[in-house]
Amino acid sequence: MRLLLTICLLWMSSVTAFAHEVRPAFLRATEVEPAQFQVIWKQPVLSGQRLRITPTFPEGCTQSTPRLDRTGDTVAERFTVSCDLLSGALSLPGLERTLTDAFVEVRYLNGEARTALLKPAEPVLPLEGPQASPAKDYLWIGVEHIIFGWDHLLFVIGLALLVGGRKVWGVATAFTVAHTLTLAATALGGVSLPSRPVEILIAASIVLLAAEIMAKGKGKATLGVKRPYLIAFTIGLIHGFGFAGALADIGLPQGTELLALFLFNLGVELGQFAVIGMALFALFGLLKLGKNWRKTTELVTTYAIAGIAMVWVIERLGGYWV
């Protein structure tokens, strides 16, 4: 029991510290005159600090002094770059020290574009030679958003604890369908909600889910137990606006918006199924050790989820009113 509590406390501290580490960065360079580009560079603010990433352009390029704008959890730099951006490479030194991906887009006067999702392992975009479609990169962004997006990850783990068995797969799919609707409405239809209230509601939904798990453990037939599909779908609508906030920062690749949206949601579904599979496997293993092991682990995990989510509610409410 002491070991489980120690692991729980370490997990809570790490989750609270890196709750938004997975938020993507975005750089767009648009040619407005021959060999002159307007650049916007957006990067997430984590724990009140911006990431130490400075875009580096090919040798011979000159750039103006950046103008800084802060909106919510994002800092945007706007500046101009003078050069043709047809050779060499555009890089993001410092990205390798983070868990953040960066979507980079260079648009030319002739209508052509060069785009890529830069990852910490390879933060460089070659400006010449063939390139692959960026739409496929959204599949991995969707997977990352579940596996490293702690608020959504905790909700999925909570679903496994509340429902369990084969039924959890259908409940998780209901969650995916719901957030797909709000994500599509935001990305394609222009529907949006302020990010801060959405983040507060997401954290509160995790607290509610933990309360449902505790009530189930006491034998109470709550709404979450009787109507898990309804709960997952309703909360999925809220979480969809959270997914949309992440995509809004990087946008969808022009001409392949529907494909990118489909791949993003497919990645989310795959990430959810992977997490649920591991959770069910762990619970099955604990059951082999004895019912008390499983019951104690479920109880500690549930309280950990509730505690983390309450910290987020308080932090996000504080940031909303300040």
Protein backbone atom coordinates (compact mmCIF):
# COMPACT_ATOMS: atom_id res chain seq x y z
CA MET A 1 0.00 0.00 0.00
CA ARG A 2 2.83 2.41 0.85
CA LEU A 3 4.54 1.59 -2.44
CA LEU A 4 1.35 2.28 -4.39
CA LEU A 5 0.84 5.60 -2.60
CA THR A 6 4.47 6.62 -3.28
CA ILE A 7 4.12 5.79 -6.97
CA CYS A 8 0.82 7.66 -7.01
CA LEU A 9 2.36 10.82 -5.52
CA LEU A 10 5.27 10.75 -7.98
CA TRP A 11 2.83 10.26 -10.83
CA MET A 12 0.65 13.15 -9.64
CA SER A 13 3.63 15.52 -9.48
CA SER A 14 4.86 14.58 -12.95
CA VAL A 15 1.40 14.78 -14.53
CA THR A 16 0.73 18.18 -12.98
CA ALA A 17 4.08 19.51 -14.17
CA PHE A 18 3.76 18.35 -17.79
CA ALA A 19 0.03 18.57 -18.41
CA HIS A 20 0.39 20.64 -21.59
CA GLU A 21 3.85 19.62 -22.83
CA VAL A 22 2.35 17.99 -25.93
CA ARG A 23 0.79 21.19 -27.33
CA PRO A 24 2.20 21.74 -30.82
CA ALA A 25 4.08 24.76 -32.14
CA PHE A 26 3.44 26.36 -35.53
CA LEU A 27 5.51 28.40 -37.98
CA ARG A 28 4.16 29.86 -41.22
CA ALA A 29 6.22 31.89 -43.71
CA THR A 30 4.14 33.54 -46.45
CA GLU A 31 5.82 35.22 -49.43
CA VAL A 32 4.22 38.66 -49.90
CA GLU A 33 6.79 40.07 -52.33
CA PRO A 34 9.57 38.36 -54.28
CA ALA A 35 12.08 37.02 -51.73
CA GLN A 36 10.23 38.62 -48.79
CA PHE A 37 8.22 36.57 -46.30
CA GLN A 38 5.92 37.45 -43.45
CA VAL A 39 6.53 34.95 -40.65
CA ILE A 40 4.37 33.99 -37.70
CA TRP A 41 5.90 31.71 -35.08
CA LYS A 42 3.57 30.33 -32.38
CA GLN A 43 4.78 28.28 -29.46
CA PRO A 44 3.02 27.04 -26.31
CA VAL A 45 3.61 28.49 -22.86
CA LEU A 46 4.32 25.72 -20.35
CA SER A 47 4.18 26.43 -16.61
CA GLY A 48 4.33 30.14 -17.40
CA GLN A 49 7.51 29.81 -19.50
CA ARG A 50 7.91 29.93 -23.27
CA LEU A 51 9.95 27.25 -24.96
CA ARG A 52 13.50 28.22 -25.82
CA ILE A 53 13.15 27.63 -29.55
CA THR A 54 14.30 30.19 -32.12
CA PRO A 55 13.59 29.56 -35.82
CA THR A 56 16.79 29.55 -37.89
CA PHE A 57 16.67 30.39 -41.59
CA PRO A 58 19.25 29.60 -44.34
CA GLU A 59 22.52 31.51 -44.42
CA GLY A 60 22.13 34.87 -46.13
CA CYS A 61 18.58 35.50 -44.89
CA THR A 62 17.91 38.62 -42.85
CA GLN A 63 14.98 39.18 -40.53
CA SER A 64 13.30 42.06 -38.75
CA THR A 65 12.89 42.42 -34.98
CA PRO A 66 10.05 40.13 -33.82
CA ARG A 67 6.83 41.59 -32.47
CA LEU A 68 5.53 39.52 -29.54
CA ASP A 69 1.88 38.76 -28.75
CA ARG A 70 0.64 36.64 -25.83
CA THR A 71 -2.78 34.96 -26.11
CA GLY A 72 -3.77 32.45 -23.44
CA ASP A 73 -1.19 29.65 -23.41
CA THR A 74 0.44 30.68 -26.70
CA VAL A 75 3.13 33.23 -27.57
CA ALA A 76 3.26 34.47 -31.15
CA GLU A 77 6.20 36.21 -32.81
CA ARG A 78 5.68 38.12 -36.05
CA PHE A 79 8.56 39.28 -38.25
CA THR A 80 9.74 39.44 -41.86
CA VAL A 81 12.48 37.40 -43.53
CA SER A 82 14.27 38.55 -46.67
CA CYS A 83 15.58 35.76 -48.94
CA ASP A 84 14.01 33.36 -51.46
CA LEU A 85 13.74 30.30 -49.13
CA LEU A 86 14.32 28.01 -52.10
CA SER A 87 17.48 26.30 -50.86
CA GLY A 88 19.13 25.29 -47.62
CA ALA A 89 16.99 24.41 -44.61
CA LEU A 90 14.73 25.95 -42.00
CA SER A 91 15.42 24.58 -38.52
CA LEU A 92 14.10 24.92 -34.98
CA PRO A 93 17.07 24.48 -32.64
CA GLY A 94 15.90 23.74 -29.11
CA LEU A 95 12.96 21.61 -30.25
CA GLU A 96 15.03 18.51 -29.52
CA ARG A 97 14.91 19.36 -25.79
CA THR A 98 11.10 19.23 -25.67
CA LEU A 99 8.22 16.82 -26.29
CA THR A 100 6.67 19.34 -28.67
CA ASP A 101 6.09 18.91 -32.39
CA ALA A 102 6.06 21.89 -34.75
CA PHE A 103 4.05 22.25 -37.94
CA VAL A 104 6.00 24.35 -40.46
CA GLU A 105 4.57 25.83 -43.64
CA VAL A 106 6.31 27.94 -46.30
CA ARG A 107 4.02 29.46 -48.96
CA TYR A 108 5.35 31.04 -52.14
CA LEU A 109 3.92 33.68 -54.47
CA ASN A 110 3.40 31.12 -57.24
CA GLY A 111 0.95 29.18 -55.04
CA GLU A 112 3.33 26.36 -54.16
CA ALA A 113 3.98 25.39 -50.57
CA ARG A 114 6.39 23.31 -48.53
CA THR A 115 5.05 21.86 -45.30
CA ALA A 116 6.19 19.37 -42.70
CA LEU A 117 5.70 18.29 -39.10
CA LEU A 118 9.06 18.75 -37.38
CA LYS A 119 9.71 16.49 -34.41
CA PRO A 120 12.29 16.73 -31.61
CA ALA A 121 14.33 13.95 -33.23
CA GLU A 122 14.57 15.87 -36.54
CA PRO A 123 13.81 19.62 -36.22
CA VAL A 124 14.85 20.53 -39.77
CA LEU A 125 12.81 21.26 -42.92
CA PRO A 126 14.81 21.02 -46.20
CA LEU A 127 13.72 23.78 -48.58
CA GLU A 128 14.54 21.84 -51.74
CA GLY A 129 13.90 18.34 -53.05
CA PRO A 130 10.76 16.15 -52.85
CA GLN A 131 8.39 16.23 -49.89
CA ALA A 132 5.61 14.02 -48.57
CA SER A 133 2.06 15.15 -47.83
CA PRO A 134 1.81 16.61 -44.31
CA ALA A 135 -1.69 15.19 -43.78
CA LYS A 136 -0.32 11.81 -42.61
CA ASP A 137 1.52 13.56 -39.78
CA TYR A 138 -1.83 14.30 -38.13
CA LEU A 139 -2.23 10.59 -37.38
CA TRP A 140 0.74 10.76 -35.00
CA ILE A 141 -0.45 14.09 -33.56
CA GLY A 142 -3.73 12.35 -32.64
CA VAL A 143 -1.88 9.47 -30.95
CA GLU A 144 0.35 11.91 -29.05
CA HIS A 145 -2.65 13.94 -27.95
CA ILE A 146 -3.94 10.92 -26.02
CA ILE A 147 -0.69 9.37 -24.81
CA PHE A 148 1.00 12.64 -23.75
CA GLY A 149 -2.09 14.83 -23.31
CA TRP A 150 -2.54 14.04 -19.62
CA ASP A 151 -6.05 15.40 -19.16
CA HIS A 152 -7.46 13.27 -21.98
CA LEU A 153 -5.29 10.33 -20.91
CA LEU A 154 -6.67 10.39 -17.37
CA PHE A 155 -10.22 10.47 -18.73
CA VAL A 156 -9.57 7.38 -20.86
CA ILE A 157 -8.02 5.53 -17.89
CA GLY A 158 -11.06 6.53 -15.85
CA LEU A 159 -13.36 5.04 -18.48
CA ALA A 160 -11.48 1.73 -18.21
CA LEU A 161 -11.97 1.79 -14.42
CA LEU A 162 -15.65 2.75 -14.63
CA VAL A 163 -16.79 0.40 -17.38
CA GLY A 164 -14.16 -2.30 -17.87
CA GLY A 165 -14.50 -5.43 -20.00
CA ARG A 166 -15.55 -5.43 -23.63
CA LYS A 167 -18.07 -2.65 -23.10
CA VAL A 168 -15.30 -0.08 -22.60
CA TRP A 169 -14.32 -0.26 -26.29
CA GLY A 170 -17.76 0.92 -27.39
CA VAL A 171 -17.84 3.60 -24.70
CA ALA A 172 -14.43 4.90 -25.85
CA THR A 173 -15.71 4.98 -29.44
CA ALA A 174 -18.72 7.06 -28.30
CA PHE A 175 -16.22 9.49 -26.77
CA THR A 176 -14.34 9.64 -30.09
CA VAL A 177 -17.51 10.20 -32.15
CA ALA A 178 -18.52 13.08 -29.89
CA HIS A 179 -15.22 14.91 -29.97
CA THR A 180 -15.06 14.34 -33.73
CA LEU A 181 -18.31 16.30 -34.11
CA THR A 182 -17.10 19.31 -32.11
CA LEU A 183 -13.64 19.13 -33.67
CA ALA A 184 -15.12 19.15 -37.18
CA ALA A 185 -17.48 21.99 -36.27
CA THR A 186 -14.51 24.02 -35.03
CA ALA A 187 -11.95 23.16 -37.71
CA LEU A 188 -14.29 23.27 -40.71
CA GLY A 189 -17.31 25.26 -39.59
CA GLY A 190 -15.71 28.05 -37.57
CA VAL A 191 -17.54 27.16 -34.33
CA SER A 192 -15.39 27.91 -31.30
CA LEU A 193 -15.42 28.34 -27.52
CA PRO A 194 -12.93 30.25 -25.33
CA SER A 195 -10.07 27.89 -24.45
CA ARG A 196 -9.89 28.63 -20.71
CA PRO A 197 -13.52 27.71 -19.82
CA VAL A 198 -13.16 24.58 -21.97
CA GLU A 199 -10.02 23.54 -20.06
CA ILE A 200 -11.84 24.09 -16.76
CA LEU A 201 -14.77 21.93 -17.92
CA ILE A 202 -12.39 19.19 -19.11
CA ALA A 203 -10.69 19.05 -15.70
CA ALA A 204 -14.08 19.10 -13.95
CA SER A 205 -15.30 16.24 -16.14
CA ILE A 206 -12.39 14.10 -14.91
CA VAL A 207 -13.34 14.88 -11.28
CA LEU A 208 -16.93 13.87 -12.10
CA LEU A 209 -15.73 10.63 -13.68
CA ALA A 210 -13.63 9.82 -10.60
CA ALA A 211 -16.68 10.42 -8.40
CA GLU A 212 -18.66 7.99 -10.57
CA ILE A 213 -15.94 5.35 -10.15
CA MET A 214 -16.01 5.79 -6.36
CA ALA A 215 -19.80 5.52 -6.30
CA LYS A 216 -19.63 2.34 -8.38
CA GLY A 217 -17.14 0.88 -5.87
CA LYS A 218 -19.76 1.43 -3.15
CA GLY A 219 -22.37 -0.44 -5.18
CA LYS A 220 -24.39 2.63 -6.23
CA ALA A 221 -26.16 2.54 -9.61
CA THR A 222 -25.19 6.03 -10.81
CA LEU A 223 -25.86 7.55 -14.22
CA GLY A 224 -22.29 6.73 -15.26
CA VAL A 225 -22.87 3.07 -14.48
CA LYS A 226 -26.32 2.88 -16.10
CA ARG A 227 -25.63 5.14 -19.09
CA PRO A 228 -21.85 5.08 -19.76
CA TYR A 229 -22.33 5.75 -23.48
CA LEU A 230 -24.30 8.92 -22.73
CA ILE A 231 -21.67 10.13 -20.24
CA ALA A 232 -18.79 9.42 -22.64
CA PHE A 233 -20.57 11.10 -25.56
CA THR A 234 -21.56 14.21 -23.57
CA ILE A 235 -18.11 14.72 -22.10
CA GLY A 236 -16.57 13.91 -25.48
CA LEU A 237 -18.32 16.97 -26.92
CA ILE A 238 -16.48 19.12 -24.37
CA HIS A 239 -13.13 17.41 -24.90
CA GLY A 240 -13.57 17.94 -28.65
CA PHE A 241 -13.20 21.67 -28.15
CA GLY A 242 -9.97 20.94 -26.29
CA PHE A 243 -8.67 18.92 -29.26
CA ALA A 244 -9.80 21.75 -31.53
CA GLY A 245 -7.75 24.24 -29.52
CA ALA A 246 -4.60 22.24 -30.23
CA LEU A 247 -5.38 21.97 -33.94
CA ALA A 248 -6.33 25.64 -34.15
CA ASP A 249 -2.75 26.54 -33.21
CA ILE A 250 -1.29 24.64 -36.15
CA GLY A 251 -4.17 24.63 -38.63
CA LEU A 252 -5.04 21.99 -41.21
CA PRO A 253 -3.04 21.59 -44.45
CA GLN A 254 -4.87 23.35 -47.27
CA GLY A 255 -6.42 21.01 -49.81
CA THR A 256 -6.31 17.98 -47.50
CA GLU A 257 -8.32 19.26 -44.53
CA LEU A 258 -10.76 16.32 -44.41
CA LEU A 259 -7.98 13.74 -44.73
CA ALA A 260 -5.96 15.44 -41.99
CA LEU A 261 -9.03 15.61 -39.74
CA PHE A 262 -9.78 11.93 -40.35
CA LEU A 263 -6.20 10.91 -39.61
CA PHE A 264 -6.10 13.02 -36.45
CA ASN A 265 -9.23 11.33 -35.12
CA LEU A 266 -7.96 7.91 -36.17
CA GLY A 267 -4.78 8.63 -34.21
CA VAL A 268 -6.85 9.63 -31.17
CA GLU A 269 -8.84 6.38 -31.42
CA LEU A 270 -5.69 4.28 -31.77
CA GLY A 271 -4.13 6.06 -28.79
CA GLN A 272 -7.25 5.48 -26.70
CA PHE A 273 -7.38 1.79 -27.56
CA ALA A 274 -3.70 1.38 -26.71
CA VAL A 275 -4.18 3.00 -23.29
CA ILE A 276 -7.36 1.03 -22.56
CA GLY A 277 -5.66 -2.21 -23.59
CA MET A 278 -2.74 -1.58 -21.24
CA ALA A 279 -5.09 -0.58 -18.40
CA LEU A 280 -7.21 -3.72 -18.78
CA PHE A 281 -4.09 -5.88 -19.00
CA ALA A 282 -2.74 -4.31 -15.78
CA LEU A 283 -6.06 -4.83 -13.98
CA PHE A 284 -6.18 -8.45 -15.14
CA GLY A 285 -2.63 -8.99 -13.84
CA LEU A 286 -3.54 -7.49 -10.48
CA LEU A 287 -6.59 -9.73 -10.27
CA LYS A 288 -4.27 -12.73 -10.60
CA LEU A 289 -2.39 -11.47 -7.54
CA GLY A 290 -5.63 -11.28 -5.61
CA LYS A 291 -8.84 -9.25 -5.41
CA ASN A 292 -7.43 -7.01 -2.67
CA TRP A 293 -4.52 -5.97 -4.90
CA ARG A 294 -6.86 -4.94 -7.70
CA LYS A 295 -9.31 -3.21 -5.37
CA THR A 296 -6.55 -1.24 -3.63
CA THR A 297 -4.92 -0.25 -6.93
CA GLU A 298 -8.22 0.89 -8.41
CA LEU A 299 -8.95 2.94 -5.27
CA VAL A 300 -5.52 4.61 -5.21
CA THR A 301 -5.63 5.30 -8.96
CA THR A 302 -9.13 6.79 -8.71
CA TYR A 303 -8.10 9.12 -5.87
CA ALA A 304 -4.98 10.07 -7.83
CA ILE A 305 -7.07 10.93 -10.90
CA ALA A 306 -9.48 12.98 -8.77
CA GLY A 307 -6.62 14.77 -6.99
CA ILE A 308 -4.81 15.67 -10.21
CA ALA A 309 -8.01 16.88 -11.85
CA MET A 310 -8.93 19.02 -8.83
CA VAL A 311 -5.48 20.65 -8.96
CA TRP A 312 -6.13 21.47 -12.62
CA VAL A 313 -9.58 22.88 -11.83
CA ILE A 314 -8.10 25.18 -9.18
CA GLU A 315 -5.16 26.22 -11.38
CA ARG A 316 -7.36 26.90 -14.39
CA LEU A 317 -9.97 28.76 -12.37
CA GLY A 318 -7.18 30.89 -10.90
CA GLY A 319 -5.80 31.64 -14.35
CA TYR A 320 -9.29 32.44 -15.64
CA TRP A 321 -10.10 35.03 -12.98
CA VAL A 322 -6.67 36.63 -12.74
